[in-house]
Amino acid sequence: MEARLPRPAYRRYIGAMAFHLARGPAAATQLITILEEELAGARARLGEDPPGAGAVHEARVAVKRMRAVLRLFEEAVPARSRRIATRLRRAAHALSAMREADACLESLTALATRYRAILTPAIAGHVRRGLEHRRSTSREDASEALGEARGALEAATRLVPSLGASSRALRQGMARSYRRTRRAMLTLRLDGGDAEFHRWRIRLKDHYYHMRLLEKLDATPRRRARLLHVLEEALGDDHNLTVLQELLLTDPARYGPEREGAVVLGCIAREQRRLRAGALRLGERVFAAKGSRFAADLRGWWPERR
């Protein structure tokens, strides 16, 4: 895997909502403001009835950012942060069900492009028609999930002002997140299970957003965030392929003849191995430092307030 951020991914990276800490104001106050703005943005994106696929995707990303920020408060205010985390988890689950069908179609398109000599238009077409039918059906049933997501975000909005923590506690939260992510990577092997790679992705996403918070304070976390973005994209593609694989295995008749399904499953296995090998190589570089070394670096990027 290339360490340099590809141009399309870079445009997505720099085009995201402002999400960073600034020098001066108390970090907890800034993070509460960020949470409130993200909540307002997510609720606005889901305000249309029904929201488009792009709005659902953006709301999901906002929820992921909020959950990463909330991780920083989990030791300082455990009860309050858990209450908000429960609401955000409910919103994430509801939105994931709405997003899944689109993600599978995108994965199939990317797979057919990379393995065009094997995955012919006819084979891909059978699977695509099955996925499109599933998407249309899921959208008809989306109103309940959408209502649950909206309610969970409203509940979280009421709870956020109760948060509070010292800058030192928040910094410790970032270091703790790094250690968790590094530990999750160190136990992985190329032939590891889907659940293990997904667990690493969840941990890595938190660490990525934490580095995004620091990108205006120091150039090093900004460069680090770009590498983490490459890594997270690869693991995200891997997870979407796992979801597609599960659909093909659970209800194969819906997606074409059995022999053609086997071709698609073979391409999925081959692509996942490629993605995971690249992710592990890059991960070894990005997480080479032990937790104590990262904590020391973090104090340099985000020094104690005098």
Foldseek 3Di string as FASTA:
>chain_A
DDLFFDPVLVCVVVPDDQAADDPDDFPLVVLLVLLLVLLVQLLVLPVDVHHDLVSLVSSLVSLLLNLLSLLLQCVVDVVLSVLLNVLSVLLNVLSCLLNLLVLLLVLLVVLCVVPVVLQPPVLSVLQNVLSVVVNVVSVVVSPVSSVSNSVSSVVSSVRSVVTDDGPVSSLVSLLVLLQLLLVLLVPDDLPDDLVSLVSSLSSLSSNLSVLSHLVVQDVVSVSLSSSSSVLSVLSVSLNSLVSSLVVCVVCVVSRDDPVSSVSSNVSSVVSNSVSSVVSSVSSCVSSVDHSVVVSVVSCVSPPDDD
